[in-house]
Amino acid sequence: MTDGDVAVVTGAGSGVGRTVAAALLDAGYRVALAGRRAAPLEETAGGREEALVVPTDVGDAGSVAALFAAVRERWGRVDLLVNNAGTFGPSGTPDEVPVDEWTSTVTTNLTGSFLCAREAFAAMRAQDPQGGRIINNGSISAHVPRPGSAAYTATKHAITGLTKSIALDGRPYGIACGQIDIGNAATDMTAGIAKGAAQADGSVRPEPTFDPKHVADAVLLMARLPLDANIPFLTITATTMPFLGRG
């Protein structure tokens, strides 16, 4: 991939999505910013000419189709999708999780990622020159769960399966797919973790975090590879967080 390519970033109004979108813009990409609310997306865009703000509900197929139609109308192609939109969802043991909150989490985290990947795949397959790259935001919860996180953890494990399937199905069309698994980037969404997070032994302890700009650097590393090379999975965590230990 080269600077000047067209990228779509979901969840671009805050947190990791905003940081990644800004880094792509700084690197010379033309970037479509997708998220539920226009105002935060406009803040991310910062008035830049190469940013396109498209309020989008990733869980709605029509809204996602309209997003990619707007991108193709503006720039004619899609070179990169950063599938970032997501929510932590409900907390509690499985019997305490409301079914509607489970469904909402699956709709945003999993179905939303699929719908965006589906539209991006179609665009990348049809365009000339053919191909592109999809980067899915997993989590270290794609490897191991936190206590009381059945909905979130299940969707992130499912993202791994989606990543593998897209990577395989994309081979004939020059479409690469990889996943970045992030542990404790310092954003509003993870602010509570720095104050105290439930541990496997039942205790609650603060956990270290790290600057999300390093996530953006990692995404740029993945995105800038030529399409005959791919990083299927990249894990980036705060160095001393309780991930690799026995828990």
C-alpha atoms as a PDB file:
ATOM      1  CA  MET A   1       0.000   0.000   0.000  1.00  0.00           C
ATOM      2  CA  THR A   2       1.147   3.572  -0.638  1.00  0.00           C
ATOM      3  CA  ASP A   3       0.417   6.995   0.779  1.00  0.00           C
ATOM      4  CA  GLY A   4      -2.490   8.622  -1.055  1.00  0.00           C
ATOM      5  CA  ASP A   5      -4.533   5.426  -0.893  1.00  0.00           C
ATOM      6  CA  VAL A   6      -8.132   5.525   0.286  1.00  0.00           C
ATOM      7  CA  ALA A   7      -8.866   4.273   3.803  1.00  0.00           C
ATOM      8  CA  VAL A   8     -12.095   3.745   5.732  1.00  0.00           C
ATOM      9  CA  VAL A   9     -11.866   3.830   9.542  1.00  0.00           C
ATOM     10  CA  THR A  10     -14.877   2.870  11.652  1.00  0.00           C
ATOM     11  CA  GLY A  11     -15.299   4.106  15.200  1.00  0.00           C
ATOM     12  CA  ALA A  12     -13.276   7.143  14.112  1.00  0.00           C
ATOM     13  CA  GLY A  13     -14.919   9.597  16.487  1.00  0.00           C
ATOM     14  CA  SER A  14     -12.932   8.655  19.581  1.00  0.00           C
ATOM     15  CA  GLY A  15     -10.224   6.503  21.130  1.00  0.00           C
ATOM     16  CA  VAL A  16      -8.130   4.194  18.993  1.00  0.00           C
ATOM     17  CA  GLY A  17     -10.201   4.943  15.897  1.00  0.00           C
ATOM     18  CA  ARG A  18      -9.574   8.679  16.144  1.00  0.00           C
ATOM     19  CA  THR A  19      -5.848   8.141  16.736  1.00  0.00           C
ATOM     20  CA  VAL A  20      -5.529   5.734  13.801  1.00  0.00           C
ATOM     21  CA  ALA A  21      -7.537   7.961  11.467  1.00  0.00           C
ATOM     22  CA  ALA A  22      -5.404  10.994  12.344  1.00  0.00           C
ATOM     23  CA  ALA A  23      -2.207   9.010  11.768  1.00  0.00           C
ATOM     24  CA  LEU A  24      -3.428   7.860   8.358  1.00  0.00           C
ATOM     25  CA  LEU A  25      -4.300  11.426   7.399  1.00  0.00           C
ATOM     26  CA  ASP A  26      -0.880  12.596   8.580  1.00  0.00           C
ATOM     27  CA  ALA A  27       0.695   9.869   6.445  1.00  0.00           C
ATOM     28  CA  GLY A  28      -1.067  11.109   3.297  1.00  0.00           C
ATOM     29  CA  TYR A  29      -4.022   8.759   3.108  1.00  0.00           C
ATOM     30  CA  ARG A  30      -7.464   9.933   2.064  1.00  0.00           C
ATOM     31  CA  VAL A  31      -9.640   8.784   4.949  1.00  0.00           C
ATOM     32  CA  ALA A  32     -13.370   8.224   5.355  1.00  0.00           C
ATOM     33  CA  LEU A  33     -14.324   8.647   9.008  1.00  0.00           C
ATOM     34  CA  ALA A  34     -17.264   6.490  10.083  1.00  0.00           C
ATOM     35  CA  GLY A  35     -19.089   6.562  13.404  1.00  0.00           C
ATOM     36  CA  ARG A  36     -22.527   7.080  14.883  1.00  0.00           C
ATOM     37  CA  ARG A  37     -22.274  10.824  15.566  1.00  0.00           C
ATOM     38  CA  ALA A  38     -21.188  13.533  13.152  1.00  0.00           C
ATOM     39  CA  ALA A  39     -19.749  15.982  15.689  1.00  0.00           C
ATOM     40  CA  PRO A  40     -16.953  13.743  17.025  1.00  0.00           C
ATOM     41  CA  LEU A  41     -16.101  12.716  13.462  1.00  0.00           C
ATOM     42  CA  GLU A  42     -15.783  16.374  12.486  1.00  0.00           C
ATOM     43  CA  GLU A  43     -13.420  16.844  15.425  1.00  0.00           C
ATOM     44  CA  THR A  44     -11.285  13.965  14.150  1.00  0.00           C
ATOM     45  CA  ALA A  45     -11.312  15.410  10.624  1.00  0.00           C
ATOM     46  CA  GLY A  46     -10.122  18.785  11.897  1.00  0.00           C
ATOM     47  CA  GLY A  47     -11.143  20.462   8.650  1.00  0.00           C
ATOM     48  CA  ARG A  48      -8.707  18.441   6.573  1.00  0.00           C
ATOM     49  CA  GLU A  49      -9.541  18.275   2.872  1.00  0.00           C
ATOM     50  CA  GLU A  50      -8.645  14.585   2.615  1.00  0.00           C
ATOM     51  CA  ALA A  51     -11.075  13.546   5.365  1.00  0.00           C
ATOM     52  CA  LEU A  52     -14.634  12.492   4.545  1.00  0.00           C
ATOM     53  CA  VAL A  53     -17.123  12.406   7.432  1.00  0.00           C
ATOM     54  CA  VAL A  54     -19.844   9.779   7.038  1.00  0.00           C
ATOM     55  CA  PRO A  55     -22.100   9.153  10.075  1.00  0.00           C
ATOM     56  CA  THR A  56     -22.690   5.409  10.050  1.00  0.00           C
ATOM     57  CA  ASP A  57     -24.357   2.691  12.093  1.00  0.00           C
ATOM     58  CA  VAL A  58     -22.079  -0.282  11.423  1.00  0.00           C
ATOM     59  CA  GLY A  59     -24.773  -2.700  12.587  1.00  0.00           C
ATOM     60  CA  ASP A  60     -27.152  -1.578   9.841  1.00  0.00           C
ATOM     61  CA  ALA A  61     -26.519  -3.021   6.383  1.00  0.00           C
ATOM     62  CA  GLY A  62     -28.063  -0.072   4.577  1.00  0.00           C
ATOM     63  CA  SER A  63     -26.016   2.444   6.528  1.00  0.00           C
ATOM     64  CA  VAL A  64     -22.795   0.546   5.798  1.00  0.00           C
ATOM     65  CA  ALA A  65     -23.661   0.287   2.092  1.00  0.00           C
ATOM     66  CA  ALA A  66     -24.224   4.055   2.032  1.00  0.00           C
ATOM     67  CA  LEU A  67     -20.821   4.615   3.671  1.00  0.00           C
ATOM     68  CA  PHE A  68     -18.946   2.695   1.006  1.00  0.00           C
ATOM     69  CA  ALA A  69     -21.025   4.222  -1.781  1.00  0.00           C
ATOM     70  CA  ALA A  70     -20.017   7.675  -0.504  1.00  0.00           C
ATOM     71  CA  VAL A  71     -16.351   6.664  -0.440  1.00  0.00           C
ATOM     72  CA  ARG A  72     -16.451   5.319  -3.992  1.00  0.00           C
ATOM     73  CA  GLU A  73     -18.304   8.407  -5.204  1.00  0.00           C
ATOM     74  CA  ARG A  74     -15.672  10.685  -3.639  1.00  0.00           C
ATOM     75  CA  TRP A  75     -12.493   8.759  -4.467  1.00  0.00           C
ATOM     76  CA  GLY A  76     -13.420   5.888  -6.781  1.00  0.00           C
ATOM     77  CA  ARG A  77     -11.926   3.039  -4.776  1.00  0.00           C
ATOM     78  CA  VAL A  78     -11.208   1.533  -1.337  1.00  0.00           C
ATOM     79  CA  ASP A  79      -7.651   0.466  -0.492  1.00  0.00           C
ATOM     80  CA  LEU A  80      -7.839  -0.017   3.262  1.00  0.00           C
ATOM     81  CA  LEU A  81     -10.521  -0.773   5.827  1.00  0.00           C
ATOM     82  CA  VAL A  82      -9.718  -0.448   9.521  1.00  0.00           C
ATOM     83  CA  ASN A  83     -12.583  -2.303  11.207  1.00  0.00           C
ATOM     84  CA  ASN A  84     -12.380  -0.612  14.593  1.00  0.00           C
ATOM     85  CA  ALA A  85     -15.902   0.134  15.847  1.00  0.00           C
ATOM     86  CA  GLY A  86     -16.785  -1.793  18.988  1.00  0.00           C
ATOM     87  CA  THR A  87     -18.255  -1.787  22.467  1.00  0.00           C
ATOM     88  CA  PHE A  88     -17.438  -3.581  25.725  1.00  0.00           C
ATOM     89  CA  GLY A  89     -21.060  -4.596  26.175  1.00  0.00           C
ATOM     90  CA  PRO A  90     -22.571  -5.968  29.389  1.00  0.00           C
ATOM     91  CA  SER A  91     -20.602  -7.204  32.398  1.00  0.00           C
ATOM     92  CA  GLY A  92     -21.524 -10.160  34.563  1.00  0.00           C
ATOM     93  CA  THR A  93     -21.666 -13.930  34.634  1.00  0.00           C
ATOM     94  CA  PRO A  94     -23.561 -15.485  31.706  1.00  0.00           C
ATOM     95  CA  ASP A  95     -26.799 -15.806  33.691  1.00  0.00           C
ATOM     96  CA  GLU A  96     -26.647 -12.078  34.493  1.00  0.00           C
ATOM     97  CA  VAL A  97     -26.205 -10.892  30.889  1.00  0.00           C
ATOM     98  CA  PRO A  98     -29.449  -9.493  29.408  1.00  0.00           C
ATOM     99  CA  VAL A  99     -30.187 -11.092  26.060  1.00  0.00           C
ATOM    100  CA  ASP A 100     -30.853  -7.759  24.375  1.00  0.00           C
ATOM    101  CA  GLU A 101     -27.452  -6.449  25.521  1.00  0.00           C
ATOM    102  CA  TRP A 102     -25.778  -9.627  24.232  1.00  0.00           C
ATOM    103  CA  THR A 103     -27.470  -9.125  20.871  1.00  0.00           C
ATOM    104  CA  SER A 104     -26.495  -5.449  20.743  1.00  0.00           C
ATOM    105  CA  THR A 105     -22.855  -6.304  21.428  1.00  0.00           C
ATOM    106  CA  VAL A 106     -22.816  -8.979  18.720  1.00  0.00           C
ATOM    107  CA  THR A 107     -24.461  -6.571  16.274  1.00  0.00           C
ATOM    108  CA  THR A 108     -21.842  -3.868  16.784  1.00  0.00           C
ATOM    109  CA  ASN A 109     -18.681  -5.898  17.283  1.00  0.00           C
ATOM    110  CA  LEU A 110     -19.224  -8.859  14.979  1.00  0.00           C
ATOM    111  CA  THR A 111     -22.017  -8.144  12.511  1.00  0.00           C
ATOM    112  CA  GLY A 112     -20.744  -4.594  12.089  1.00  0.00           C
ATOM    113  CA  SER A 113     -17.252  -5.830  11.273  1.00  0.00           C
ATOM    114  CA  PHE A 114     -18.686  -8.352   8.810  1.00  0.00           C
ATOM    115  CA  LEU A 115     -20.903  -5.798   7.066  1.00  0.00           C
ATOM    116  CA  CYS A 116     -18.004  -3.377   6.629  1.00  0.00           C
ATOM    117  CA  ALA A 117     -15.664  -6.142   5.476  1.00  0.00           C
ATOM    118  CA  ARG A 118     -18.333  -7.359   3.054  1.00  0.00           C
ATOM    119  CA  GLU A 119     -18.652  -3.950   1.398  1.00  0.00           C
ATOM    120  CA  ALA A 120     -14.888  -3.376   1.376  1.00  0.00           C
ATOM    121  CA  PHE A 121     -14.246  -6.828  -0.093  1.00  0.00           C
ATOM    122  CA  ALA A 122     -16.748  -6.195  -2.895  1.00  0.00           C
ATOM    123  CA  ALA A 123     -15.152  -2.845  -3.718  1.00  0.00           C
ATOM    124  CA  MET A 124     -11.615  -4.230  -3.624  1.00  0.00           C
ATOM    125  CA  ARG A 125     -12.561  -7.197  -5.786  1.00  0.00           C
ATOM    126  CA  ALA A 126     -14.231  -5.044  -8.455  1.00  0.00           C
ATOM    127  CA  GLN A 127     -11.821  -2.112  -8.666  1.00  0.00           C
ATOM    128  CA  ASP A 128      -8.888  -1.659 -11.028  1.00  0.00           C
ATOM    129  CA  PRO A 129      -6.186  -2.173  -9.924  1.00  0.00           C
ATOM    130  CA  GLN A 130      -7.754  -4.942  -7.890  1.00  0.00           C
ATOM    131  CA  GLY A 131      -7.098  -5.613  -4.216  1.00  0.00           C
ATOM    132  CA  GLY A 132      -6.754  -3.933  -0.856  1.00  0.00           C
ATOM    133  CA  ARG A 133      -6.276  -4.604   2.837  1.00  0.00           C
ATOM    134  CA  ILE A 134      -8.649  -5.125   5.755  1.00  0.00           C
ATOM    135  CA  ILE A 135      -7.383  -4.722   9.325  1.00  0.00           C
ATOM    136  CA  ASN A 136      -9.718  -5.941  12.043  1.00  0.00           C
ATOM    137  CA  ASN A 137      -9.453  -4.646  15.609  1.00  0.00           C
ATOM    138  CA  GLY A 138      -9.495  -7.718  17.814  1.00  0.00           C
ATOM    139  CA  SER A 139      -8.346  -7.517  21.420  1.00  0.00           C
ATOM    140  CA  ILE A 140      -6.350  -9.586  23.844  1.00  0.00           C
ATOM    141  CA  SER A 141      -9.861 -10.806  24.653  1.00  0.00           C
ATOM    142  CA  ALA A 142      -9.557 -12.641  21.333  1.00  0.00           C
ATOM    143  CA  HIS A 143      -7.031 -14.785  23.233  1.00  0.00           C
ATOM    144  CA  VAL A 144      -8.200 -14.822  26.864  1.00  0.00           C
ATOM    145  CA  PRO A 145     -11.247 -13.339  28.620  1.00  0.00           C
ATOM    146  CA  ARG A 146     -11.599 -10.978  31.506  1.00  0.00           C
ATOM    147  CA  PRO A 147     -14.014 -12.070  34.236  1.00  0.00           C
ATOM    148  CA  GLY A 148     -17.632 -11.286  33.395  1.00  0.00           C
ATOM    149  CA  SER A 149     -17.083 -10.497  29.708  1.00  0.00           C
ATOM    150  CA  ALA A 150     -18.916 -13.256  27.838  1.00  0.00           C
ATOM    151  CA  ALA A 151     -20.429 -11.028  25.140  1.00  0.00           C
ATOM    152  CA  TYR A 152     -17.307  -9.007  24.394  1.00  0.00           C
ATOM    153  CA  THR A 153     -14.979 -12.005  24.521  1.00  0.00           C
ATOM    154  CA  ALA A 154     -17.208 -14.125  22.287  1.00  0.00           C
ATOM    155  CA  THR A 155     -17.326 -11.404  19.639  1.00  0.00           C
ATOM    156  CA  LYS A 156     -13.564 -10.898  19.726  1.00  0.00           C
ATOM    157  CA  HIS A 157     -12.904 -14.615  19.364  1.00  0.00           C
ATOM    158  CA  ALA A 158     -15.296 -14.506  16.407  1.00  0.00           C
ATOM    159  CA  ILE A 159     -13.328 -11.628  14.856  1.00  0.00           C
ATOM    160  CA  THR A 160     -10.345 -13.981  14.705  1.00  0.00           C
ATOM    161  CA  GLY A 161     -12.380 -16.455  12.666  1.00  0.00           C
ATOM    162  CA  LEU A 162     -13.611 -13.654  10.427  1.00  0.00           C
ATOM    163  CA  THR A 163     -10.042 -12.462   9.882  1.00  0.00           C
ATOM    164  CA  LYS A 164      -8.840 -15.920   8.899  1.00  0.00           C
ATOM    165  CA  SER A 165     -11.748 -16.483   6.525  1.00  0.00           C
ATOM    166  CA  ILE A 166     -11.328 -13.116   4.793  1.00  0.00           C
ATOM    167  CA  ALA A 167      -7.580 -13.670   4.466  1.00  0.00           C
ATOM    168  CA  LEU A 168      -8.226 -17.009   2.777  1.00  0.00           C
ATOM    169  CA  ASP A 169     -11.095 -15.855   0.560  1.00  0.00           C
ATOM    170  CA  GLY A 170      -9.234 -12.723  -0.467  1.00  0.00           C
ATOM    171  CA  ARG A 171      -6.207 -14.485  -1.924  1.00  0.00           C
ATOM    172  CA  PRO A 172      -7.458 -14.734  -5.533  1.00  0.00           C
ATOM    173  CA  TYR A 173      -8.279 -11.012  -5.579  1.00  0.00           C
ATOM    174  CA  GLY A 174      -5.214  -9.477  -3.925  1.00  0.00           C
ATOM    175  CA  ILE A 175      -7.131  -8.759  -0.728  1.00  0.00           C
ATOM    176  CA  ALA A 176      -5.053  -9.134   2.436  1.00  0.00           C
ATOM    177  CA  CYS A 177      -6.579  -9.309   5.899  1.00  0.00           C
ATOM    178  CA  GLY A 178      -4.949  -9.038   9.302  1.00  0.00           C
ATOM    179  CA  GLN A 179      -5.898  -8.429  12.913  1.00  0.00           C
ATOM    180  CA  ILE A 180      -4.445  -6.198  15.602  1.00  0.00           C
ATOM    181  CA  ASP A 181      -5.020  -7.308  19.198  1.00  0.00           C
ATOM    182  CA  ILE A 182      -4.665  -4.457  21.669  1.00  0.00           C
ATOM    183  CA  GLY A 183      -4.165  -4.643  25.411  1.00  0.00           C
ATOM    184  CA  ASN A 184      -4.841  -1.521  27.472  1.00  0.00           C
ATOM    185  CA  ALA A 185      -4.320   1.384  25.097  1.00  0.00           C
ATOM    186  CA  ALA A 186      -5.163   4.501  27.123  1.00  0.00           C
ATOM    187  CA  THR A 187      -8.522   5.766  25.833  1.00  0.00           C
ATOM    188  CA  ASP A 188     -11.797   6.917  27.368  1.00  0.00           C
ATOM    189  CA  MET A 189     -13.148   3.411  26.815  1.00  0.00           C
ATOM    190  CA  THR A 190     -10.377   1.864  28.946  1.00  0.00           C
ATOM    191  CA  ALA A 191     -10.125   4.600  31.594  1.00  0.00           C
ATOM    192  CA  GLY A 192     -11.656   2.331  34.235  1.00  0.00           C
ATOM    193  CA  ILE A 193      -8.936  -0.283  33.743  1.00  0.00           C
ATOM    194  CA  ALA A 194      -6.256   2.138  34.936  1.00  0.00           C
ATOM    195  CA  LYS A 195      -8.270   2.723  38.123  1.00  0.00           C
ATOM    196  CA  GLY A 196      -9.046  -0.914  38.854  1.00  0.00           C
ATOM    197  CA  ALA A 197      -9.914  -3.996  36.795  1.00  0.00           C
ATOM    198  CA  ALA A 198     -11.318  -7.334  37.932  1.00  0.00           C
ATOM    199  CA  GLN A 199      -8.687 -10.073  37.957  1.00  0.00           C
ATOM    200  CA  ALA A 200      -9.032 -13.842  37.569  1.00  0.00           C
ATOM    201  CA  ASP A 201      -8.332 -14.374  41.290  1.00  0.00           C
ATOM    202  CA  GLY A 202     -11.287 -12.188  42.234  1.00  0.00           C
ATOM    203  CA  SER A 203      -9.253  -9.136  43.192  1.00  0.00           C
ATOM    204  CA  VAL A 204      -9.527  -5.692  41.626  1.00  0.00           C
ATOM    205  CA  ARG A 205      -6.265  -3.996  40.699  1.00  0.00           C
ATOM    206  CA  PRO A 206      -5.199  -1.088  38.515  1.00  0.00           C
ATOM    207  CA  GLU A 207      -3.560  -2.126  35.256  1.00  0.00           C
ATOM    208  CA  PRO A 208      -0.949  -0.278  33.204  1.00  0.00           C
ATOM    209  CA  THR A 209      -1.891   1.361  29.920  1.00  0.00           C
ATOM    210  CA  PHE A 210       0.066   2.735  26.959  1.00  0.00           C
ATOM    211  CA  ASP A 211      -0.250   5.596  24.483  1.00  0.00           C
ATOM    212  CA  PRO A 212      -2.631   4.700  21.608  1.00  0.00           C
ATOM    213  CA  LYS A 213      -0.274   6.410  19.139  1.00  0.00           C
ATOM    214  CA  HIS A 214       1.694   3.146  19.251  1.00  0.00           C
ATOM    215  CA  VAL A 215      -1.415   1.340  18.011  1.00  0.00           C
ATOM    216  CA  ALA A 216      -1.574   3.789  15.117  1.00  0.00           C
ATOM    217  CA  ASP A 217       2.090   3.133  14.349  1.00  0.00           C
ATOM    218  CA  ALA A 218       1.375  -0.600  14.278  1.00  0.00           C
ATOM    219  CA  VAL A 219      -1.618  -0.145  11.980  1.00  0.00           C
ATOM    220  CA  LEU A 220       0.523   1.952   9.626  1.00  0.00           C
ATOM    221  CA  LEU A 221       3.140  -0.810   9.600  1.00  0.00           C
ATOM    222  CA  MET A 222       0.481  -3.321   8.559  1.00  0.00           C
ATOM    223  CA  ALA A 223      -1.173  -0.970   6.065  1.00  0.00           C
ATOM    224  CA  ARG A 224       2.007   0.025   4.244  1.00  0.00           C
ATOM    225  CA  LEU A 225       3.009  -3.514   3.349  1.00  0.00           C
ATOM    226  CA  PRO A 226       2.724  -4.469  -0.320  1.00  0.00           C
ATOM    227  CA  LEU A 227      -0.281  -6.697  -0.951  1.00  0.00           C
ATOM    228  CA  ASP A 228       1.931  -9.738  -1.484  1.00  0.00           C
ATOM    229  CA  ALA A 229       2.889  -9.530   2.219  1.00  0.00           C
ATOM    230  CA  ASN A 230       0.617  -9.668   5.243  1.00  0.00           C
ATOM    231  CA  ILE A 231       0.729  -9.597   9.044  1.00  0.00           C
ATOM    232  CA  PRO A 232      -2.140 -11.950   9.937  1.00  0.00           C
ATOM    233  CA  PHE A 233      -1.992 -11.184  13.670  1.00  0.00           C
ATOM    234  CA  LEU A 234      -0.199  -8.500  15.660  1.00  0.00           C
ATOM    235  CA  THR A 235      -0.536  -8.157  19.442  1.00  0.00           C
ATOM    236  CA  ILE A 236       0.424  -4.934  21.203  1.00  0.00           C
ATOM    237  CA  THR A 237       0.039  -4.508  24.952  1.00  0.00           C
ATOM    238  CA  ALA A 238       1.212  -2.483  27.903  1.00  0.00           C
ATOM    239  CA  THR A 239       4.442  -4.257  28.822  1.00  0.00           C
ATOM    240  CA  THR A 240       3.562  -5.131  32.410  1.00  0.00           C
ATOM    241  CA  MET A 241      -0.170  -5.809  32.101  1.00  0.00           C
ATOM    242  CA  PRO A 242      -1.413  -9.183  33.428  1.00  0.00           C
ATOM    243  CA  PHE A 243      -1.770 -10.936  30.080  1.00  0.00           C
ATOM    244  CA  LEU A 244       1.077 -13.439  29.739  1.00  0.00           C
ATOM    245  CA  GLY A 245       1.077 -14.558  33.367  1.00  0.00           C
ATOM    246  CA  ARG A 246      -1.014 -17.282  34.970  1.00  0.00           C
ATOM    247  CA  GLY A 247      -3.773 -14.874  36.032  1.00  0.00           C
END
